[in-house]
Amino acid sequence: MKIVLYPHPALRHKSKPLTSIDNQVRKQAEEMLALMYDAKGLGLAANQVALPYQMTVINPSGDPNNKEAEAVCINPVIVSREGTQEGEEGCLSFPGLFQKVRRAKTVIVEYYDLDARLLRVTAHELPARLLQHEIDHLHGVLYIDKMGPIAKLASRSSLKDLERQFRDAQQRGEIPPNADIERTLAALEASA
């Protein structure tokens, strides 16, 4: 398992809800948390590791020893949004790219944990931003889609560099062709 970089097709793939939580899902969540911490991230969505499922992991503290702040969110849904906040966001699938994004200041989110319990949490500020960012990923929406016109303009050359690096890696055979990636995602969905 590894974090895929923009413009990998999995990042635009709309994830499928998980219908069961088994040992494989628990193992994937554990691997996602390890990857997130290794990359110094605060959140990671399943499609960022080319898994087409509605699962995210977050820890607003970024501290792997702070298990209280850690959450694995399966089939998360934002049920309420309030207020607005604007702040700088980055993404592990867009290394080095940080721009201001406007989000709701407070969200109420329902999701299942790894014990299949339905939880309802109210998040403010950074945790709210993280949840919105990761849940967007599950629907194929990226933070670059939420940037204002100036931020988009400022990000253009970074995005072109990432696109070029991705195409180059595909030409070298390090990354499969997009059609093969799409077939793999469809096969994973069918087996879930």
Protein backbone atom coordinates (compact mmCIF):
# COMPACT_ATOMS: atom_id res chain seq x y z
CA MET A 1 0.00 0.00 0.00
CA LYS A 2 1.27 3.46 -0.87
CA ILE A 3 -0.13 6.97 -1.23
CA VAL A 4 -0.97 7.79 -4.84
CA LEU A 5 -0.22 11.22 -6.24
CA TYR A 6 -2.28 13.54 -8.41
CA PRO A 7 -3.50 12.92 -11.14
CA HIS A 8 -3.87 9.20 -10.28
CA PRO A 9 -7.38 8.09 -11.41
CA ALA A 10 -8.23 6.68 -7.94
CA LEU A 11 -8.34 10.28 -6.64
CA ARG A 12 -11.33 11.09 -8.86
CA HIS A 13 -13.03 7.74 -8.25
CA LYS A 14 -16.27 7.91 -6.27
CA SER A 15 -15.83 5.41 -3.46
CA LYS A 16 -18.29 2.67 -2.65
CA PRO A 17 -19.73 2.30 0.87
CA LEU A 18 -18.35 -0.67 2.78
CA THR A 19 -20.98 -3.30 3.58
CA SER A 20 -18.95 -5.20 6.17
CA ILE A 21 -16.06 -4.55 8.51
CA ASP A 22 -13.77 -7.57 8.53
CA ASN A 23 -10.14 -8.26 9.38
CA GLN A 24 -9.02 -7.08 5.94
CA VAL A 25 -10.70 -3.69 6.47
CA ARG A 26 -9.07 -3.42 9.93
CA LYS A 27 -5.67 -4.27 8.44
CA GLN A 28 -6.13 -1.68 5.67
CA ALA A 29 -7.11 0.97 8.24
CA GLU A 30 -3.99 0.14 10.27
CA GLU A 31 -1.78 0.42 7.17
CA MET A 32 -3.44 3.72 6.22
CA LEU A 33 -2.74 5.15 9.68
CA ALA A 34 0.91 4.07 9.45
CA LEU A 35 1.25 5.67 6.00
CA MET A 36 -0.42 8.86 7.21
CA TYR A 37 1.95 9.16 10.16
CA ASP A 38 5.02 8.31 8.04
CA ALA A 39 4.04 11.10 5.64
CA LYS A 40 3.45 13.55 8.53
CA GLY A 41 -0.22 13.86 7.56
CA LEU A 42 -3.35 14.46 9.61
CA GLY A 43 -5.76 12.49 7.43
CA LEU A 44 -5.90 9.95 4.62
CA ALA A 45 -8.79 8.65 2.52
CA ALA A 46 -8.93 5.11 1.12
CA ASN A 47 -8.88 6.29 -2.49
CA GLN A 48 -5.55 8.00 -1.74
CA VAL A 49 -4.14 4.47 -1.43
CA ALA A 50 -6.12 3.26 -4.48
CA LEU A 51 -8.86 1.54 -2.48
CA PRO A 52 -12.35 2.44 -3.76
CA TYR A 53 -14.05 2.28 -0.34
CA GLN A 54 -15.61 4.90 1.90
CA MET A 55 -13.04 4.84 4.67
CA THR A 56 -10.83 7.60 6.06
CA VAL A 57 -8.37 7.85 8.91
CA ILE A 58 -7.68 11.09 10.76
CA ASN A 59 -5.73 12.39 13.71
CA PRO A 60 -5.84 16.20 14.05
CA SER A 61 -2.89 16.09 16.46
CA GLY A 62 -0.68 14.29 13.93
CA ASP A 63 0.81 12.42 16.89
CA PRO A 64 0.81 8.61 16.50
CA ASN A 65 1.00 8.29 20.30
CA ASN A 66 -2.23 10.29 20.75
CA LYS A 67 -4.67 7.44 20.08
CA GLU A 68 -7.51 9.46 21.64
CA ALA A 69 -7.41 11.89 18.70
CA GLU A 70 -7.30 9.08 16.12
CA ALA A 71 -10.40 8.02 14.22
CA VAL A 72 -11.17 5.49 11.51
CA CYS A 73 -14.34 6.65 9.76
CA ILE A 74 -16.23 4.13 7.65
CA ASN A 75 -19.02 5.37 5.35
CA PRO A 76 -18.85 8.91 6.81
CA VAL A 77 -21.63 11.37 6.03
CA ILE A 78 -21.75 15.08 6.85
CA VAL A 79 -25.23 15.66 8.26
CA SER A 80 -24.82 19.35 9.17
CA ARG A 81 -22.53 22.28 8.37
CA GLU A 82 -22.35 25.64 10.13
CA GLY A 83 -20.32 28.81 9.68
CA THR A 84 -17.29 29.28 7.48
CA GLN A 85 -13.54 29.25 7.94
CA GLU A 86 -10.74 29.87 5.50
CA GLY A 87 -7.40 28.26 6.06
CA GLU A 88 -4.39 26.74 4.37
CA GLU A 89 -4.75 23.13 3.30
CA GLY A 90 -2.37 20.59 1.94
CA CYS A 91 -2.85 17.01 0.82
CA LEU A 92 -0.59 13.96 0.90
CA SER A 93 -1.50 13.32 -2.75
CA PHE A 94 -0.23 16.84 -3.66
CA PRO A 95 3.20 17.05 -1.97
CA GLY A 96 4.35 20.59 -1.29
CA LEU A 97 1.14 22.28 -2.48
CA PHE A 98 -0.61 24.41 0.14
CA GLN A 99 -3.40 26.89 -0.58
CA LYS A 100 -6.26 28.60 1.23
CA VAL A 101 -9.61 26.79 1.07
CA ARG A 102 -12.98 27.85 2.49
CA ARG A 103 -14.84 25.21 4.51
CA ALA A 104 -17.59 25.00 7.09
CA LYS A 105 -16.36 25.91 10.57
CA THR A 106 -18.42 23.22 12.30
CA VAL A 107 -19.69 19.90 10.98
CA ILE A 108 -21.69 17.04 12.39
CA VAL A 109 -20.56 13.73 10.90
CA GLU A 110 -21.97 10.23 11.24
CA TYR A 111 -19.77 7.22 10.54
CA TYR A 112 -19.10 3.66 11.61
CA ASP A 113 -15.99 2.76 13.57
CA LEU A 114 -14.03 -0.49 13.23
CA ASP A 115 -16.40 -2.14 15.74
CA ALA A 116 -19.36 -1.33 13.44
CA ARG A 117 -20.76 1.19 15.93
CA LEU A 118 -22.55 4.18 14.43
CA LEU A 119 -21.00 7.34 15.85
CA ARG A 120 -22.09 10.96 15.56
CA VAL A 121 -19.45 13.61 16.19
CA THR A 122 -19.48 17.39 16.18
CA ALA A 123 -16.18 18.82 14.95
CA HIS A 124 -14.95 22.43 14.92
CA GLU A 125 -12.06 24.25 13.25
CA LEU A 126 -9.18 21.90 12.21
CA PRO A 127 -11.00 18.59 12.90
CA ALA A 128 -13.97 19.92 10.89
CA ARG A 129 -11.64 20.90 8.03
CA LEU A 130 -9.99 17.46 8.09
CA LEU A 131 -13.29 15.59 8.00
CA GLN A 132 -14.57 17.71 5.11
CA HIS A 133 -11.32 17.27 3.17
CA GLU A 134 -11.24 13.48 3.62
CA ILE A 135 -14.97 12.97 2.97
CA ASP A 136 -14.62 15.04 -0.23
CA HIS A 137 -11.89 12.58 -1.32
CA LEU A 138 -14.37 9.71 -1.01
CA HIS A 139 -16.62 11.46 -3.55
CA GLY A 140 -13.79 12.19 -5.99
CA VAL A 141 -13.61 15.86 -4.96
CA LEU A 142 -10.14 17.29 -4.35
CA TYR A 143 -9.15 20.38 -2.40
CA ILE A 144 -7.90 21.96 -5.62
CA ASP A 145 -11.58 21.97 -6.71
CA LYS A 146 -12.41 24.12 -3.66
CA MET A 147 -9.68 26.72 -4.17
CA GLY A 148 -10.57 30.25 -5.15
CA PRO A 149 -9.46 31.68 -8.52
CA ILE A 150 -6.22 33.21 -7.21
CA ALA A 151 -5.18 30.02 -5.39
CA LYS A 152 -5.95 27.99 -8.53
CA LEU A 153 -3.80 30.31 -10.60
CA ALA A 154 -0.96 30.13 -8.07
CA SER A 155 -1.16 26.30 -8.09
CA ARG A 156 -1.15 25.84 -11.86
CA SER A 157 2.58 25.18 -12.30
CA SER A 158 2.71 22.75 -9.33
CA LEU A 159 -0.21 20.79 -10.78
CA LYS A 160 1.41 20.68 -14.23
CA ASP A 161 4.60 19.33 -12.62
CA LEU A 162 2.66 16.59 -10.80
CA GLU A 163 0.84 15.69 -14.05
CA ARG A 164 4.14 15.50 -15.94
CA GLN A 165 5.77 13.35 -13.24
CA PHE A 166 2.78 10.99 -13.27
CA ARG A 167 2.85 10.63 -17.09
CA ASP A 168 6.63 10.06 -16.99
CA ALA A 169 6.22 7.34 -14.34
CA GLN A 170 3.55 5.69 -16.49
CA GLN A 171 5.84 5.78 -19.53
CA ARG A 172 8.61 4.15 -17.49
CA GLY A 173 6.14 1.43 -16.46
CA GLU A 174 6.25 2.38 -12.76
CA ILE A 175 2.52 3.18 -12.74
CA PRO A 176 -0.01 1.17 -14.80
CA PRO A 177 -1.99 2.85 -17.60
CA ASN A 178 -5.17 4.63 -16.44
CA ALA A 179 -7.41 1.97 -18.03
CA ASP A 180 -5.67 -0.75 -15.98
CA ILE A 181 -6.06 1.31 -12.80
CA GLU A 182 -9.79 1.76 -13.49
CA ARG A 183 -10.19 -2.01 -14.04
CA THR A 184 -8.40 -2.71 -10.73
CA LEU A 185 -10.66 -0.26 -8.88
CA ALA A 186 -13.77 -1.87 -10.42
CA ALA A 187 -12.53 -5.35 -9.45
CA LEU A 188 -11.88 -4.21 -5.85
CA GLU A 189 -15.39 -2.75 -5.68
CA ALA A 190 -16.94 -5.96 -7.00
CA SER A 191 -15.13 -8.03 -4.36
CA ALA A 192 -16.11 -5.78 -1.43
